[in-house]
Amino acid sequence: MATKADVARIIAQKSIKDAAYRSELISNPKAMLERELGFKLDPEAKVSVLECDTDTLLIPIPKVSSDALSEQELDAVVGGVKCSTTTGCVFCWCM
């Protein structure tokens, strides 16, 4: 089974050899990827093409969600509730 890197390499090689393929890949990357894979992607999926030279290193990183938990919310999820009082409370071991 081909990996993502294999598919990307195949598509990149085709785009170098075939100007029409390259043009269509740039204008409609999702359709081209679906054609290469042989199946439809999720309608919500986004596919982008970035032209760059071989000296460019691309590092894809996930987009940070605006609904991410705050540090306090994360602490509450992984380590219990932090008490803001100096005398302690009945809900945690803050003393």
PDB file of N, CA and C in Angstrom:
ATOM      1  N   MET A   1       0.850  -1.192   0.000  1.00  0.00           N
ATOM      2  CA  MET A   1       0.000   0.000   0.000  1.00  0.00           C
ATOM      3  C   MET A   1       0.889   1.246   0.000  1.00  0.00           C
ATOM      4  N   ALA A   2       0.524   2.192  -0.802  1.00  0.00           N
ATOM      5  CA  ALA A   2       1.298   3.428  -0.914  1.00  0.00           C
ATOM      6  C   ALA A   2       1.070   4.325   0.299  1.00  0.00           C
ATOM      7  N   THR A   3       2.142   4.974   0.737  1.00  0.00           N
ATOM      8  CA  THR A   3       2.053   5.932   1.836  1.00  0.00           C
ATOM      9  C   THR A   3       1.727   7.312   1.268  1.00  0.00           C
ATOM     10  N   LYS A   4       1.440   8.254   2.163  1.00  0.00           N
ATOM     11  CA  LYS A   4       1.209   9.635   1.716  1.00  0.00           C
ATOM     12  C   LYS A   4       2.417  10.170   0.963  1.00  0.00           C
ATOM     13  N   ALA A   5       3.602   9.843   1.472  1.00  0.00           N
ATOM     14  CA  ALA A   5       4.833  10.302   0.830  1.00  0.00           C
ATOM     15  C   ALA A   5       4.970   9.705  -0.570  1.00  0.00           C
ATOM     16  N   ASP A   6       4.588   8.429  -0.741  1.00  0.00           N
ATOM     17  CA  ASP A   6       4.639   7.787  -2.056  1.00  0.00           C
ATOM     18  C   ASP A   6       3.719   8.489  -3.041  1.00  0.00           C
ATOM     19  N   VAL A   7       2.502   8.746  -2.609  1.00  0.00           N
ATOM     20  CA  VAL A   7       1.515   9.411  -3.469  1.00  0.00           C
ATOM     21  C   VAL A   7       2.000  10.810  -3.830  1.00  0.00           C
ATOM     22  N   ALA A   8       2.509  11.540  -2.846  1.00  0.00           N
ATOM     23  CA  ALA A   8       3.018  12.894  -3.106  1.00  0.00           C
ATOM     24  C   ALA A   8       4.171  12.857  -4.108  1.00  0.00           C
ATOM     25  N   ARG A   9       5.046  11.882  -3.960  1.00  0.00           N
ATOM     26  CA  ARG A   9       6.190  11.764  -4.867  1.00  0.00           C
ATOM     27  C   ARG A   9       5.723  11.452  -6.295  1.00  0.00           C
ATOM     28  N   ILE A  10       4.769  10.540  -6.435  1.00  0.00           N
ATOM     29  CA  ILE A  10       4.232  10.185  -7.756  1.00  0.00           C
ATOM     30  C   ILE A  10       3.593  11.397  -8.418  1.00  0.00           C
ATOM     31  N   ILE A  11       2.789  12.114  -7.669  1.00  0.00           N
ATOM     32  CA  ILE A  11       2.120  13.305  -8.206  1.00  0.00           C
ATOM     33  C   ILE A  11       3.149  14.367  -8.585  1.00  0.00           C
ATOM     34  N   ALA A  12       4.142  14.586  -7.739  1.00  0.00           N
ATOM     35  CA  ALA A  12       5.181  15.575  -8.040  1.00  0.00           C
ATOM     36  C   ALA A  12       5.933  15.203  -9.311  1.00  0.00           C
ATOM     37  N   GLN A  13       6.277  13.917  -9.470  1.00  0.00           N
ATOM     38  CA  GLN A  13       6.991  13.479 -10.669  1.00  0.00           C
ATOM     39  C   GLN A  13       6.150  13.680 -11.924  1.00  0.00           C
ATOM     40  N   LYS A  14       4.858  13.344 -11.849  1.00  0.00           N
ATOM     41  CA  LYS A  14       3.971  13.552 -12.995  1.00  0.00           C
ATOM     42  C   LYS A  14       3.861  15.033 -13.337  1.00  0.00           C
ATOM     43  N   SER A  15       3.815  15.880 -12.291  1.00  0.00           N
ATOM     44  CA  SER A  15       3.645  17.323 -12.539  1.00  0.00           C
ATOM     45  C   SER A  15       4.876  17.936 -13.203  1.00  0.00           C
ATOM     46  N   ILE A  16       6.026  17.327 -12.997  1.00  0.00           N
ATOM     47  CA  ILE A  16       7.251  17.813 -13.644  1.00  0.00           C
ATOM     48  C   ILE A  16       7.249  17.456 -15.128  1.00  0.00           C
ATOM     49  N   LYS A  17       6.763  16.267 -15.459  1.00  0.00           N
ATOM     50  CA  LYS A  17       6.813  15.750 -16.826  1.00  0.00           C
ATOM     51  C   LYS A  17       5.664  16.223 -17.703  1.00  0.00           C
ATOM     52  N   ASP A  18       4.529  16.577 -17.096  1.00  0.00           N
ATOM     53  CA  ASP A  18       3.313  16.868 -17.865  1.00  0.00           C
ATOM     54  C   ASP A  18       2.737  18.228 -17.461  1.00  0.00           C
ATOM     55  N   ALA A  19       2.884  19.208 -18.352  1.00  0.00           N
ATOM     56  CA  ALA A  19       2.437  20.579 -18.065  1.00  0.00           C
ATOM     57  C   ALA A  19       0.929  20.664 -17.859  1.00  0.00           C
ATOM     58  N   ALA A  20       0.159  19.910 -18.630  1.00  0.00           N
ATOM     59  CA  ALA A  20      -1.302  19.935 -18.486  1.00  0.00           C
ATOM     60  C   ALA A  20      -1.712  19.340 -17.136  1.00  0.00           C
ATOM     61  N   TYR A  21      -1.059  18.260 -16.749  1.00  0.00           N
ATOM     62  CA  TYR A  21      -1.313  17.634 -15.447  1.00  0.00           C
ATOM     63  C   TYR A  21      -1.013  18.627 -14.334  1.00  0.00           C
ATOM     64  N   ARG A  22       0.131  19.300 -14.454  1.00  0.00           N
ATOM     65  CA  ARG A  22       0.544  20.287 -13.452  1.00  0.00           C
ATOM     66  C   ARG A  22      -0.467  21.419 -13.343  1.00  0.00           C
ATOM     67  N   SER A  23      -0.913  21.914 -14.479  1.00  0.00           N
ATOM     68  CA  SER A  23      -1.878  23.007 -14.504  1.00  0.00           C
ATOM     69  C   SER A  23      -3.190  22.601 -13.831  1.00  0.00           C
ATOM     70  N   GLU A  24      -3.664  21.388 -14.146  1.00  0.00           N
ATOM     71  CA  GLU A  24      -4.900  20.920 -13.526  1.00  0.00           C
ATOM     72  C   GLU A  24      -4.711  20.647 -12.035  1.00  0.00           C
ATOM     73  N   LEU A  25      -3.536  20.157 -11.668  1.00  0.00           N
ATOM     74  CA  LEU A  25      -3.230  19.910 -10.256  1.00  0.00           C
ATOM     75  C   LEU A  25      -3.275  21.212  -9.456  1.00  0.00           C
ATOM     76  N   ILE A  26      -2.746  22.265 -10.024  1.00  0.00           N
ATOM     77  CA  ILE A  26      -2.751  23.564  -9.347  1.00  0.00           C
ATOM     78  C   ILE A  26      -4.162  24.144  -9.272  1.00  0.00           C
ATOM     79  N   SER A  27      -4.945  23.991 -10.337  1.00  0.00           N
ATOM     80  CA  SER A  27      -6.278  24.597 -10.352  1.00  0.00           C
ATOM     81  C   SER A  27      -7.323  23.768  -9.610  1.00  0.00           C
ATOM     82  N   ASN A  28      -7.140  22.447  -9.535  1.00  0.00           N
ATOM     83  CA  ASN A  28      -8.128  21.606  -8.860  1.00  0.00           C
ATOM     84  C   ASN A  28      -7.436  20.428  -8.172  1.00  0.00           C
ATOM     85  N   PRO A  29      -6.682  20.703  -7.102  1.00  0.00           N
ATOM     86  CA  PRO A  29      -5.885  19.652  -6.479  1.00  0.00           C
ATOM     87  C   PRO A  29      -6.703  18.507  -5.876  1.00  0.00           C
ATOM     88  N   LYS A  30      -7.871  18.801  -5.349  1.00  0.00           N
ATOM     89  CA  LYS A  30      -8.670  17.745  -4.720  1.00  0.00           C
ATOM     90  C   LYS A  30      -9.124  16.723  -5.759  1.00  0.00           C
ATOM     91  N   ALA A  31      -9.607  17.203  -6.894  1.00  0.00           N
ATOM     92  CA  ALA A  31     -10.055  16.291  -7.952  1.00  0.00           C
ATOM     93  C   ALA A  31      -8.896  15.454  -8.483  1.00  0.00           C
ATOM     94  N   MET A  32      -7.736  16.063  -8.619  1.00  0.00           N
ATOM     95  CA  MET A  32      -6.571  15.324  -9.106  1.00  0.00           C
ATOM     96  C   MET A  32      -6.148  14.260  -8.099  1.00  0.00           C
ATOM     97  N   LEU A  33      -6.163  14.583  -6.824  1.00  0.00           N
ATOM     98  CA  LEU A  33      -5.789  13.611  -5.797  1.00  0.00           C
ATOM     99  C   LEU A  33      -6.795  12.462  -5.765  1.00  0.00           C
ATOM    100  N   GLU A  34      -8.068  12.799  -5.867  1.00  0.00           N
ATOM    101  CA  GLU A  34      -9.097  11.761  -5.901  1.00  0.00           C
ATOM    102  C   GLU A  34      -8.892  10.837  -7.103  1.00  0.00           C
ATOM    103  N   ARG A  35      -8.535  11.406  -8.244  1.00  0.00           N
ATOM    104  CA  ARG A  35      -8.278  10.609  -9.437  1.00  0.00           C
ATOM    105  C   ARG A  35      -7.078   9.686  -9.216  1.00  0.00           C
ATOM    106  N   GLU A  36      -6.031  10.214  -8.612  1.00  0.00           N
ATOM    107  CA  GLU A  36      -4.840   9.399  -8.350  1.00  0.00           C
ATOM    108  C   GLU A  36      -5.125   8.284  -7.350  1.00  0.00           C
ATOM    109  N   LEU A  37      -5.917   8.585  -6.328  1.00  0.00           N
ATOM    110  CA  LEU A  37      -6.215   7.598  -5.292  1.00  0.00           C
ATOM    111  C   LEU A  37      -7.275   6.595  -5.723  1.00  0.00           C
ATOM    112  N   GLY A  38      -8.143   7.024  -6.640  1.00  0.00           N
ATOM    113  CA  GLY A  38      -9.194   6.133  -7.111  1.00  0.00           C
ATOM    114  C   GLY A  38     -10.437   6.131  -6.246  1.00  0.00           C
ATOM    115  N   PHE A  39     -10.565   7.127  -5.386  1.00  0.00           N
ATOM    116  CA  PHE A  39     -11.775   7.246  -4.576  1.00  0.00           C
ATOM    117  C   PHE A  39     -11.987   8.705  -4.185  1.00  0.00           C
ATOM    118  N   LYS A  40     -13.223   9.017  -3.775  1.00  0.00           N
ATOM    119  CA  LYS A  40     -13.583  10.372  -3.357  1.00  0.00           C
ATOM    120  C   LYS A  40     -13.126  10.624  -1.931  1.00  0.00           C
ATOM    121  N   LEU A  41     -12.627  11.812  -1.700  1.00  0.00           N
ATOM    122  CA  LEU A  41     -12.259  12.233  -0.351  1.00  0.00           C
ATOM    123  C   LEU A  41     -13.491  12.771   0.359  1.00  0.00           C
ATOM    124  N   ASP A  42     -13.400  12.889   1.654  1.00  0.00           N
ATOM    125  CA  ASP A  42     -14.466  13.480   2.448  1.00  0.00           C
ATOM    126  C   ASP A  42     -14.774  14.876   1.885  1.00  0.00           C
ATOM    127  N   PRO A  43     -16.051  15.220   1.739  1.00  0.00           N
ATOM    128  CA  PRO A  43     -16.404  16.544   1.214  1.00  0.00           C
ATOM    129  C   PRO A  43     -15.785  17.699   2.001  1.00  0.00           C
ATOM    130  N   GLU A  44     -15.528  17.492   3.286  1.00  0.00           N
ATOM    131  CA  GLU A  44     -14.932  18.534   4.128  1.00  0.00           C
ATOM    132  C   GLU A  44     -13.420  18.643   3.943  1.00  0.00           C
ATOM    133  N   ALA A  45     -12.806  17.632   3.329  1.00  0.00           N
ATOM    134  CA  ALA A  45     -11.348  17.613   3.166  1.00  0.00           C
ATOM    135  C   ALA A  45     -10.889  18.734   2.252  1.00  0.00           C
ATOM    136  N   LYS A  46      -9.777  19.333   2.621  1.00  0.00           N
ATOM    137  CA  LYS A  46      -9.174  20.393   1.812  1.00  0.00           C
ATOM    138  C   LYS A  46      -7.831  19.893   1.303  1.00  0.00           C
ATOM    139  N   VAL A  47      -7.547  20.170   0.040  1.00  0.00           N
ATOM    140  CA  VAL A  47      -6.284  19.770  -0.570  1.00  0.00           C
ATOM    141  C   VAL A  47      -5.653  21.012  -1.170  1.00  0.00           C
ATOM    142  N   SER A  48      -4.403  21.261  -0.838  1.00  0.00           N
ATOM    143  CA  SER A  48      -3.683  22.430  -1.348  1.00  0.00           C
ATOM    144  C   SER A  48      -2.408  21.984  -2.049  1.00  0.00           C
ATOM    145  N   VAL A  49      -2.017  22.751  -3.042  1.00  0.00           N
ATOM    146  CA  VAL A  49      -0.765  22.527  -3.748  1.00  0.00           C
ATOM    147  C   VAL A  49       0.088  23.768  -3.554  1.00  0.00           C
ATOM    148  N   LEU A  50       1.348  23.553  -3.258  1.00  0.00           N
ATOM    149  CA  LEU A  50       2.277  24.660  -3.074  1.00  0.00           C
ATOM    150  C   LEU A  50       3.463  24.448  -3.996  1.00  0.00           C
ATOM    151  N   GLU A  51       3.655  25.373  -4.920  1.00  0.00           N
ATOM    152  CA  GLU A  51       4.817  25.298  -5.803  1.00  0.00           C
ATOM    153  C   GLU A  51       6.030  25.851  -5.071  1.00  0.00           C
ATOM    154  N   CYS A  52       7.108  25.094  -5.079  1.00  0.00           N
ATOM    155  CA  CYS A  52       8.333  25.565  -4.453  1.00  0.00           C
ATOM    156  C   CYS A  52       9.520  24.863  -5.112  1.00  0.00           C
ATOM    157  N   ASP A  53      10.700  25.403  -4.879  1.00  0.00           N
ATOM    158  CA  ASP A  53      11.882  24.768  -5.448  1.00  0.00           C
ATOM    159  C   ASP A  53      12.347  23.628  -4.552  1.00  0.00           C
ATOM    160  N   THR A  54      13.302  22.860  -5.034  1.00  0.00           N
ATOM    161  CA  THR A  54      13.750  21.682  -4.291  1.00  0.00           C
ATOM    162  C   THR A  54      14.552  22.033  -3.049  1.00  0.00           C
ATOM    163  N   ASP A  55      14.946  23.280  -2.893  1.00  0.00           N
ATOM    164  CA  ASP A  55      15.696  23.707  -1.716  1.00  0.00           C
ATOM    165  C   ASP A  55      14.787  24.083  -0.548  1.00  0.00           C
ATOM    166  N   THR A  56      13.478  24.022  -0.769  1.00  0.00           N
ATOM    167  CA  THR A  56      12.516  24.412   0.258  1.00  0.00           C
ATOM    168  C   THR A  56      12.065  23.188   1.046  1.00  0.00           C
ATOM    169  N   LEU A  57      12.130  23.287   2.347  1.00  0.00           N
ATOM    170  CA  LEU A  57      11.651  22.231   3.232  1.00  0.00           C
ATOM    171  C   LEU A  57      10.293  22.649   3.769  1.00  0.00           C
ATOM    172  N   LEU A  58       9.294  21.821   3.540  1.00  0.00           N
ATOM    173  CA  LEU A  58       7.948  22.117   4.014  1.00  0.00           C
ATOM    174  C   LEU A  58       7.667  21.301   5.264  1.00  0.00           C
ATOM    175  N   ILE A  59       7.155  21.967   6.270  1.00  0.00           N
ATOM    176  CA  ILE A  59       6.816  21.305   7.526  1.00  0.00           C
ATOM    177  C   ILE A  59       5.354  21.610   7.830  1.00  0.00           C
ATOM    178  N   PRO A  60       4.470  20.682   7.484  1.00  0.00           N
ATOM    179  CA  PRO A  60       3.057  20.930   7.794  1.00  0.00           C
ATOM    180  C   PRO A  60       2.800  20.755   9.286  1.00  0.00           C
ATOM    181  N   ILE A  61       2.077  21.687   9.845  1.00  0.00           N
ATOM    182  CA  ILE A  61       1.698  21.598  11.256  1.00  0.00           C
ATOM    183  C   ILE A  61       0.185  21.766  11.350  1.00  0.00           C
ATOM    184  N   PRO A  62      -0.435  21.154  12.347  1.00  0.00           N
ATOM    185  CA  PRO A  62      -1.891  21.282  12.462  1.00  0.00           C
ATOM    186  C   PRO A  62      -2.282  22.702  12.858  1.00  0.00           C
ATOM    187  N   LYS A  63      -3.387  23.129  12.325  1.00  0.00           N
ATOM    188  CA  LYS A  63      -3.926  24.434  12.678  1.00  0.00           C
ATOM    189  C   LYS A  63      -4.426  24.394  14.115  1.00  0.00           C
ATOM    190  N   VAL A  64      -4.164  25.434  14.877  1.00  0.00           N
ATOM    191  CA  VAL A  64      -4.619  25.507  16.260  1.00  0.00           C
ATOM    192  C   VAL A  64      -6.072  25.953  16.255  1.00  0.00           C
ATOM    193  N   SER A  65      -6.892  25.181  16.915  1.00  0.00           N
ATOM    194  CA  SER A  65      -8.311  25.461  16.973  1.00  0.00           C
ATOM    195  C   SER A  65      -8.574  26.633  17.900  1.00  0.00           C
ATOM    196  N   SER A  66      -9.536  27.457  17.532  1.00  0.00           N
ATOM    197  CA  SER A  66      -9.891  28.592  18.385  1.00  0.00           C
ATOM    198  C   SER A  66     -10.669  28.140  19.612  1.00  0.00           C
ATOM    199  N   ASP A  67     -11.155  26.912  19.579  1.00  0.00           N
ATOM    200  CA  ASP A  67     -11.895  26.415  20.735  1.00  0.00           C
ATOM    201  C   ASP A  67     -11.016  25.523  21.619  1.00  0.00           C
ATOM    202  N   ALA A  68      -9.718  25.744  21.556  1.00  0.00           N
ATOM    203  CA  ALA A  68      -8.782  24.974  22.378  1.00  0.00           C
ATOM    204  C   ALA A  68      -8.988  25.320  23.857  1.00  0.00           C
ATOM    205  N   LEU A  69      -8.645  24.360  24.691  1.00  0.00           N
ATOM    206  CA  LEU A  69      -8.788  24.578  26.133  1.00  0.00           C
ATOM    207  C   LEU A  69      -7.707  25.537  26.640  1.00  0.00           C
ATOM    208  N   SER A  70      -8.067  26.336  27.629  1.00  0.00           N
ATOM    209  CA  SER A  70      -7.103  27.227  28.262  1.00  0.00           C
ATOM    210  C   SER A  70      -6.194  26.403  29.171  1.00  0.00           C
ATOM    211  N   GLU A  71      -5.125  27.000  29.658  1.00  0.00           N
ATOM    212  CA  GLU A  71      -4.226  26.298  30.585  1.00  0.00           C
ATOM    213  C   GLU A  71      -4.974  25.831  31.834  1.00  0.00           C
ATOM    214  N   GLN A  72      -5.863  26.675  32.364  1.00  0.00           N
ATOM    215  CA  GLN A  72      -6.645  26.301  33.550  1.00  0.00           C
ATOM    216  C   GLN A  72      -7.570  25.123  33.244  1.00  0.00           C
ATOM    217  N   GLU A  73      -8.201  25.153  32.076  1.00  0.00           N
ATOM    218  CA  GLU A  73      -9.087  24.055  31.701  1.00  0.00           C
ATOM    219  C   GLU A  73      -8.302  22.758  31.522  1.00  0.00           C
ATOM    220  N   LEU A  74      -7.114  22.857  30.928  1.00  0.00           N
ATOM    221  CA  LEU A  74      -6.265  21.679  30.769  1.00  0.00           C
ATOM    222  C   LEU A  74      -5.849  21.111  32.118  1.00  0.00           C
ATOM    223  N   ASP A  75      -5.457  21.994  33.044  1.00  0.00           N
ATOM    224  CA  ASP A  75      -5.081  21.549  34.384  1.00  0.00           C
ATOM    225  C   ASP A  75      -6.241  20.822  35.065  1.00  0.00           C
ATOM    226  N   ALA A  76      -7.436  21.341  34.894  1.00  0.00           N
ATOM    227  CA  ALA A  76      -8.602  20.731  35.513  1.00  0.00           C
ATOM    228  C   ALA A  76      -8.868  19.344  34.932  1.00  0.00           C
ATOM    229  N   VAL A  77      -8.626  19.185  33.641  1.00  0.00           N
ATOM    230  CA  VAL A  77      -8.872  17.906  32.989  1.00  0.00           C
ATOM    231  C   VAL A  77      -7.841  16.871  33.396  1.00  0.00           C
ATOM    232  N   VAL A  78      -6.568  17.244  33.411  1.00  0.00           N
ATOM    233  CA  VAL A  78      -5.520  16.257  33.670  1.00  0.00           C
ATOM    234  C   VAL A  78      -5.088  16.155  35.125  1.00  0.00           C
ATOM    235  N   GLY A  79      -5.248  17.211  35.893  1.00  0.00           N
ATOM    236  CA  GLY A  79      -4.716  17.165  37.249  1.00  0.00           C
ATOM    237  C   GLY A  79      -5.679  17.534  38.335  1.00  0.00           C
ATOM    238  N   GLY A  80      -6.947  17.586  38.056  1.00  0.00           N
ATOM    239  CA  GLY A  80      -7.901  17.972  39.079  1.00  0.00           C
ATOM    240  C   GLY A  80      -8.095  19.476  39.093  1.00  0.00           C
ATOM    241  N   VAL A  81      -8.928  19.936  39.974  1.00  0.00           N
ATOM    242  CA  VAL A  81      -9.261  21.350  40.063  1.00  0.00           C
ATOM    243  C   VAL A  81      -8.242  22.064  40.924  1.00  0.00           C
ATOM    244  N   LYS A  82      -7.791  23.206  40.483  1.00  0.00           N
ATOM    245  CA  LYS A  82      -6.899  24.022  41.304  1.00  0.00           C
ATOM    246  C   LYS A  82      -7.750  24.983  42.119  1.00  0.00           C
ATOM    247  N   CYS A  83      -7.466  25.031  43.378  1.00  0.00           N
ATOM    248  CA  CYS A  83      -8.218  25.901  44.265  1.00  0.00           C
ATOM    249  C   CYS A  83      -7.558  27.279  44.282  1.00  0.00           C
ATOM    250  N   SER A  84      -8.365  28.300  44.236  1.00  0.00           N
ATOM    251  CA  SER A  84      -7.812  29.656  44.247  1.00  0.00           C
ATOM    252  C   SER A  84      -7.778  30.262  45.654  1.00  0.00           C
ATOM    253  N   THR A  85      -8.214  29.505  46.644  1.00  0.00           N
ATOM    254  CA  THR A  85      -8.198  30.028  48.010  1.00  0.00           C
ATOM    255  C   THR A  85      -6.926  29.600  48.732  1.00  0.00           C
ATOM    256  N   THR A  86      -6.583  30.285  49.774  1.00  0.00           N
ATOM    257  CA  THR A  86      -5.390  29.921  50.552  1.00  0.00           C
ATOM    258  C   THR A  86      -5.722  28.944  51.681  1.00  0.00           C
ATOM    259  N   THR A  87      -6.995  28.798  51.996  1.00  0.00           N
ATOM    260  CA  THR A  87      -7.379  27.925  53.098  1.00  0.00           C
ATOM    261  C   THR A  87      -7.806  26.523  52.629  1.00  0.00           C
ATOM    262  N   GLY A  88      -7.921  26.347  51.362  1.00  0.00           N
ATOM    263  CA  GLY A  88      -8.334  25.042  50.853  1.00  0.00           C
ATOM    264  C   GLY A  88      -9.835  24.955  50.672  1.00  0.00           C
ATOM    265  N   CYS A  89     -10.272  23.828  50.149  1.00  0.00           N
ATOM    266  CA  CYS A  89     -11.700  23.636  49.936  1.00  0.00           C
ATOM    267  C   CYS A  89     -12.013  22.161  50.035  1.00  0.00           C
ATOM    268  N   VAL A  90     -13.253  21.794  49.925  1.00  0.00           N
ATOM    269  CA  VAL A  90     -13.661  20.408  50.047  1.00  0.00           C
ATOM    270  C   VAL A  90     -13.570  19.650  48.733  1.00  0.00           C
ATOM    271  N   PHE A  91     -13.260  20.337  47.643  1.00  0.00           N
ATOM    272  CA  PHE A  91     -13.272  19.709  46.330  1.00  0.00           C
ATOM    273  C   PHE A  91     -11.906  19.237  45.853  1.00  0.00           C
ATOM    274  N   CYS A  92     -10.838  19.629  46.513  1.00  0.00           N
ATOM    275  CA  CYS A  92      -9.516  19.234  46.033  1.00  0.00           C
ATOM    276  C   CYS A  92      -8.526  19.114  47.200  1.00  0.00           C
ATOM    277  N   TRP A  93      -7.341  18.730  46.888  1.00  0.00           N
ATOM    278  CA  TRP A  93      -6.270  18.567  47.900  1.00  0.00           C
ATOM    279  C   TRP A  93      -5.341  19.769  47.832  1.00  0.00           C
ATOM    280  N   CYS A  94      -5.863  20.934  47.919  1.00  0.00           N
ATOM    281  CA  CYS A  94      -5.046  22.134  47.690  1.00  0.00           C
ATOM    282  C   CYS A  94      -4.280  22.590  48.928  1.00  0.00           C
ATOM    283  N   MET A  95      -4.446  21.972  50.020  1.00  0.00           N
ATOM    284  CA  MET A  95      -3.770  22.409  51.242  1.00  0.00           C
ATOM    285  C   MET A  95      -2.342  21.920  51.279  1.00  0.00           C
TER     286      MET A  95
END
